[in-house]
N, C-alpha and C. Protein backbone atom coordinates (compact mmCIF):
# COMPACT_ATOMS: atom_id res chain seq x y z
N MET A 1 88.52 77.45 101.74
CA MET A 1 89.39 78.69 101.98
C MET A 1 89.17 79.86 101.17
N GLY A 2 89.33 80.85 101.36
CA GLY A 2 89.14 82.43 100.63
C GLY A 2 90.38 81.91 99.24
N ASN A 3 90.02 82.75 98.02
CA ASN A 3 91.29 83.11 97.62
C ASN A 3 92.62 83.27 97.67
N VAL A 4 93.48 83.19 97.14
CA VAL A 4 95.04 83.83 97.45
C VAL A 4 95.35 84.26 96.28
N ALA A 5 95.48 85.82 96.84
CA ALA A 5 95.85 86.67 95.28
C ALA A 5 97.32 85.92 95.04
N LYS A 6 97.60 86.26 94.13
CA LYS A 6 98.96 85.55 92.72
C LYS A 6 99.74 86.77 92.69
N PRO A 7 100.27 87.18 92.78
CA PRO A 7 101.20 88.88 92.52
C PRO A 7 102.20 88.31 91.79
N SER A 8 102.18 88.89 90.86
CA SER A 8 102.59 88.91 89.01
C SER A 8 104.22 88.81 89.69
N SER A 9 105.00 88.61 88.95
CA SER A 9 106.40 88.40 89.11
C SER A 9 106.89 89.60 88.52
N ASN A 10 107.95 90.15 89.19
CA ASN A 10 108.56 91.11 89.14
C ASN A 10 110.60 90.96 88.64
N LYS A 11 110.65 89.55 88.27
CA LYS A 11 111.90 89.04 88.18
C LYS A 11 112.25 89.91 86.99
N THR A 12 111.51 90.17 85.84
CA THR A 12 112.08 90.77 84.62
C THR A 12 112.79 92.14 84.63
N THR A 13 112.19 92.84 85.36
CA THR A 13 112.96 94.35 85.79
C THR A 13 113.79 94.49 86.46
N GLY A 14 113.56 93.31 87.91
CA GLY A 14 115.31 93.55 88.63
C GLY A 14 115.14 94.76 89.72
N ALA A 15 114.29 95.84 89.10
CA ALA A 15 114.47 97.03 89.66
C ALA A 15 113.52 97.37 91.31
N ALA A 16 112.57 96.33 91.43
CA ALA A 16 111.26 96.49 92.67
C ALA A 16 112.86 96.36 93.70
N SER A 17 112.04 97.29 95.19
CA SER A 17 113.15 97.23 96.00
C SER A 17 111.85 97.25 97.21
N LEU A 18 112.30 96.93 98.57
CA LEU A 18 111.33 97.26 99.57
C LEU A 18 111.17 98.37 100.14
N GLU A 19 110.19 99.07 100.38
CA GLU A 19 109.35 100.42 100.85
C GLU A 19 109.68 100.21 102.49
N LEU A 20 109.92 101.08 102.95
CA LEU A 20 109.62 101.35 104.27
C LEU A 20 108.04 101.46 104.56
N ARG A 21 107.41 102.34 103.48
CA ARG A 21 105.99 102.30 103.81
C ARG A 21 105.46 101.30 103.38
N HIS A 22 105.61 100.87 102.88
CA HIS A 22 105.00 99.57 102.25
C HIS A 22 104.80 98.59 103.34
N LEU A 23 106.10 98.27 104.45
CA LEU A 23 106.50 97.56 105.86
C LEU A 23 105.46 97.71 106.53
N GLN A 24 105.40 99.49 106.85
CA GLN A 24 104.43 99.72 107.90
C GLN A 24 103.06 99.82 107.45
N THR A 25 102.42 100.19 106.11
CA THR A 25 101.27 99.46 105.70
C THR A 25 100.78 98.19 106.34
N PHE A 26 101.59 97.33 105.51
CA PHE A 26 101.26 95.80 105.96
C PHE A 26 101.25 95.51 107.36
N GLN A 27 102.37 95.79 108.18
CA GLN A 27 101.93 96.11 109.78
C GLN A 27 100.36 95.97 110.28
N VAL A 28 100.21 97.49 110.15
CA VAL A 28 98.86 97.65 110.10
C VAL A 28 97.70 96.63 109.94
N VAL A 29 97.80 96.70 108.30
CA VAL A 29 97.03 95.41 108.00
C VAL A 29 96.82 94.51 108.59
N ALA A 30 98.25 93.73 108.63
CA ALA A 30 98.25 92.56 109.79
C ALA A 30 96.91 92.71 110.95
N ALA A 31 98.13 93.30 111.53
CA ALA A 31 96.77 94.01 112.87
C ALA A 31 95.52 94.22 113.13
N THR A 32 94.88 94.61 111.91
CA THR A 32 93.60 95.15 111.99
C THR A 32 92.74 94.00 111.40
N LYS A 33 93.64 93.46 110.46
CA LYS A 33 93.05 92.18 109.63
C LYS A 33 92.10 92.96 108.83
N ASN A 34 91.92 94.29 108.26
CA ASN A 34 91.29 95.09 107.70
C ASN A 34 91.57 96.22 106.80
N PHE A 35 91.52 96.25 105.92
CA PHE A 35 92.29 96.94 104.69
C PHE A 35 91.40 98.43 105.28
N ASN A 36 90.16 98.52 105.28
CA ASN A 36 89.48 100.04 105.56
C ASN A 36 89.86 100.59 106.98
N ARG A 37 90.00 99.67 108.27
CA ARG A 37 90.49 100.40 109.35
C ARG A 37 92.12 100.46 109.13
N ALA A 38 92.99 99.81 108.61
CA ALA A 38 94.37 100.14 108.25
C ALA A 38 94.54 101.28 107.63
N ALA A 39 93.39 101.69 106.71
CA ALA A 39 93.64 102.71 105.85
C ALA A 39 93.01 104.06 106.85
N ALA A 40 91.96 104.01 107.86
CA ALA A 40 91.69 105.07 108.49
C ALA A 40 92.73 105.13 109.38
N GLN A 41 93.39 104.28 110.09
CA GLN A 41 94.90 104.46 110.95
C GLN A 41 95.65 104.93 110.84
N LEU A 42 96.04 104.79 109.13
CA LEU A 42 97.02 105.28 108.47
C LEU A 42 96.82 106.98 107.88
N GLY A 43 95.58 107.26 107.75
CA GLY A 43 95.45 108.34 107.35
C GLY A 43 95.39 108.12 105.60
N TYR A 44 95.44 106.83 105.19
CA TYR A 44 95.56 106.72 103.58
C TYR A 44 94.00 106.38 103.13
N SER A 45 93.80 106.42 101.90
CA SER A 45 92.63 105.86 100.95
C SER A 45 92.46 104.44 101.16
N GLN A 46 91.77 103.73 101.25
CA GLN A 46 91.81 101.93 101.14
C GLN A 46 92.44 101.73 99.95
N SER A 47 92.25 102.49 98.95
CA SER A 47 93.00 102.00 97.51
C SER A 47 94.41 102.31 97.58
N SER A 48 94.86 103.36 98.62
CA SER A 48 96.19 103.18 98.72
C SER A 48 97.34 102.02 99.33
N VAL A 49 96.53 101.77 100.42
CA VAL A 49 96.69 100.77 101.22
C VAL A 49 96.35 99.23 100.25
N THR A 50 95.91 99.26 99.40
CA THR A 50 95.68 98.22 98.64
C THR A 50 96.48 97.96 97.70
N THR A 51 96.69 99.51 97.18
CA THR A 51 98.28 99.66 96.05
C THR A 51 99.32 99.16 97.03
N HIS A 52 99.71 99.50 98.46
CA HIS A 52 100.81 99.50 99.09
C HIS A 52 100.94 97.70 98.89
N ILE A 53 99.73 96.96 99.54
CA ILE A 53 100.43 95.50 99.83
C ILE A 53 100.61 94.88 98.71
N GLN A 54 99.84 95.45 97.10
CA GLN A 54 100.11 94.62 96.19
C GLN A 54 101.79 94.90 95.77
N GLN A 55 102.38 96.01 95.93
CA GLN A 55 103.45 96.05 95.33
C GLN A 55 104.25 95.24 96.20
N LEU A 56 104.14 95.60 97.68
CA LEU A 56 104.98 94.86 98.58
C LEU A 56 104.79 93.17 97.80
N GLU A 57 103.77 92.65 98.04
CA GLU A 57 103.54 91.22 97.40
C GLU A 57 104.57 91.06 95.96
N ASN A 58 104.50 91.91 95.19
CA ASN A 58 104.79 91.63 94.08
C ASN A 58 106.58 91.64 93.79
N VAL A 59 106.87 92.59 94.90
CA VAL A 59 108.59 92.72 95.18
C VAL A 59 108.74 91.08 95.75
N LEU A 60 108.20 90.33 96.74
CA LEU A 60 108.50 89.70 97.62
C LEU A 60 108.28 88.40 96.74
N GLY A 61 107.44 88.43 95.67
CA GLY A 61 106.81 87.74 95.18
C GLY A 61 105.95 86.41 95.48
N LEU A 62 105.58 86.92 96.67
CA LEU A 62 104.68 85.77 97.42
C LEU A 62 103.32 86.73 97.92
N PRO A 63 102.12 85.70 98.40
CA PRO A 63 101.05 86.62 98.63
C PRO A 63 101.36 86.43 100.54
N LEU A 64 100.85 87.71 100.60
CA LEU A 64 101.08 88.02 102.38
C LEU A 64 100.11 87.69 102.83
N PHE A 65 98.83 87.69 102.38
CA PHE A 65 97.24 87.77 102.83
C PHE A 65 95.93 86.59 102.31
N GLN A 66 95.74 85.86 102.60
CA GLN A 66 94.19 85.15 101.88
C GLN A 66 93.73 86.34 101.94
N ARG A 67 92.48 86.52 101.00
CA ARG A 67 91.41 87.43 100.86
C ARG A 67 89.89 86.77 100.73
N GLU A 68 88.97 86.51 101.68
CA GLU A 68 87.91 85.93 101.65
C GLU A 68 87.14 86.57 100.65
N ARG A 69 86.35 86.05 100.01
CA ARG A 69 85.52 86.45 98.91
C ARG A 69 84.54 87.37 99.23
N PHE A 70 83.57 87.33 100.30
CA PHE A 70 82.59 87.91 100.92
C PHE A 70 83.06 88.49 102.50
N SER A 71 84.21 88.55 102.40
CA SER A 71 84.73 89.00 104.16
C SER A 71 85.12 90.27 103.55
N LYS A 72 85.41 90.97 105.13
CA LYS A 72 85.92 92.33 105.41
C LYS A 72 87.69 92.15 105.57
N THR A 73 87.42 90.69 106.40
CA THR A 73 89.25 90.76 106.94
C THR A 73 89.83 89.82 106.08
N VAL A 74 90.86 90.22 106.32
CA VAL A 74 92.01 89.30 105.66
C VAL A 74 92.72 88.33 106.49
N VAL A 75 93.37 87.34 105.93
CA VAL A 75 93.96 86.77 107.10
C VAL A 75 95.36 86.31 106.52
N LEU A 76 96.54 86.43 107.42
CA LEU A 76 98.02 86.22 107.10
C LEU A 76 97.93 85.30 106.42
N THR A 77 98.87 84.86 105.13
CA THR A 77 99.29 83.58 104.78
C THR A 77 100.62 82.62 105.78
N GLU A 78 101.08 81.84 105.67
CA GLU A 78 102.07 81.45 106.34
C GLU A 78 103.18 82.33 106.20
N PHE A 79 104.13 82.65 105.19
CA PHE A 79 104.73 83.36 104.72
C PHE A 79 104.28 84.67 105.18
N GLY A 80 103.12 85.04 105.54
CA GLY A 80 102.68 86.74 106.16
C GLY A 80 103.00 86.78 107.28
N ARG A 81 102.95 85.34 107.77
CA ARG A 81 103.01 85.41 109.41
C ARG A 81 105.05 85.61 109.37
N ARG A 82 105.13 85.27 108.87
CA ARG A 82 107.41 85.11 109.03
C ARG A 82 107.45 86.71 108.38
N THR A 83 106.55 87.40 107.58
CA THR A 83 107.13 88.25 107.28
C THR A 83 106.55 89.66 108.24
N VAL A 84 105.66 89.31 108.72
CA VAL A 84 105.34 90.09 110.23
C VAL A 84 106.44 90.25 111.00
N LYS A 85 107.20 89.48 111.15
CA LYS A 85 108.60 89.52 112.27
C LYS A 85 109.55 89.87 111.42
N ASN A 86 109.66 89.78 110.44
CA ASN A 86 110.99 90.55 109.73
C ASN A 86 110.91 92.03 109.17
N SER A 87 109.43 92.00 109.21
CA SER A 87 109.60 93.42 109.05
C SER A 87 109.13 94.49 110.21
N GLU A 88 109.11 93.79 111.13
CA GLU A 88 108.97 94.63 112.66
C GLU A 88 110.55 94.69 112.94
N ARG A 89 111.38 93.92 112.68
CA ARG A 89 112.95 93.98 112.76
C ARG A 89 113.70 95.38 111.93
N LEU A 90 112.91 94.97 110.48
CA LEU A 90 113.49 95.98 109.60
C LEU A 90 112.99 97.10 110.12
N LEU A 91 111.45 97.18 110.17
CA LEU A 91 111.29 98.92 111.11
C LEU A 91 112.22 99.28 111.98
N ALA A 92 112.40 98.55 113.04
CA ALA A 92 113.04 98.78 114.18
C ALA A 92 114.51 99.54 113.95
N LEU A 93 115.13 98.61 112.54
CA LEU A 93 116.61 98.74 112.32
C LEU A 93 116.70 100.39 111.72
N ALA A 94 115.69 100.53 110.91
CA ALA A 94 115.11 101.63 110.31
C ALA A 94 115.15 102.87 111.33
N ALA A 95 114.28 102.83 111.94
CA ALA A 95 114.11 103.82 113.06
C ALA A 95 115.64 103.91 113.95
N GLU A 96 116.67 102.91 114.49
CA GLU A 96 117.70 102.95 115.08
C GLU A 96 118.53 103.81 113.95
N VAL A 97 118.75 103.71 112.46
CA VAL A 97 119.47 104.15 111.93
C VAL A 97 119.04 105.80 111.71
N GLN A 98 118.01 106.00 111.75
CA GLN A 98 117.25 107.24 112.01
C GLN A 98 117.65 108.52 112.95
N ALA A 99 117.52 107.29 114.12
CA ALA A 99 117.92 108.02 115.78
C ALA A 99 119.30 108.36 115.43
N SER A 100 120.18 107.47 114.98
CA SER A 100 121.58 107.26 115.29
C SER A 100 122.18 108.81 114.42
N ALA A 101 121.45 108.70 113.03
CA ALA A 101 122.08 109.82 112.16
C ALA A 101 121.17 111.34 112.99
N GLN A 102 120.39 111.27 113.89
CA GLN A 102 119.87 112.59 114.29
C GLN A 102 120.75 112.66 114.97
N ALA A 103 121.28 112.02 116.22
CA ALA A 103 122.17 112.07 117.04
C ALA A 103 123.64 112.35 116.30
N TYR A 104 124.21 112.01 115.64
CA TYR A 104 125.59 112.38 114.45
C TYR A 104 125.13 113.69 114.64
N ALA A 105 123.94 114.35 113.86
CA ALA A 105 124.34 115.97 113.13
C ALA A 105 123.97 116.83 114.24
N GLU A 106 123.78 115.97 115.30
CA GLU A 106 123.63 117.39 116.69
C GLU A 106 124.91 117.70 117.39
């Protein structure tokens, strides 16, 4: 199997938090299984997608993908598969909060 990225621990600062855009990027990478395709779909550079995923992995403290050495595709780890479901719920809830705020403001 390929190398599994080991995110650096962020426990010393305690300042890191989940960012919705990182979860959105994660969702697209998980669906496409490819950082370049995800970047094209999102309108980001490939390096931005990589940075989003690395930052998300650092916040969570676990790798989301197994990266095959000479392959352009990535495979979700077990934790990554669970995170797909959880991030879908978080993003849906965030959209609900935004819609509620808009409705309230009108």
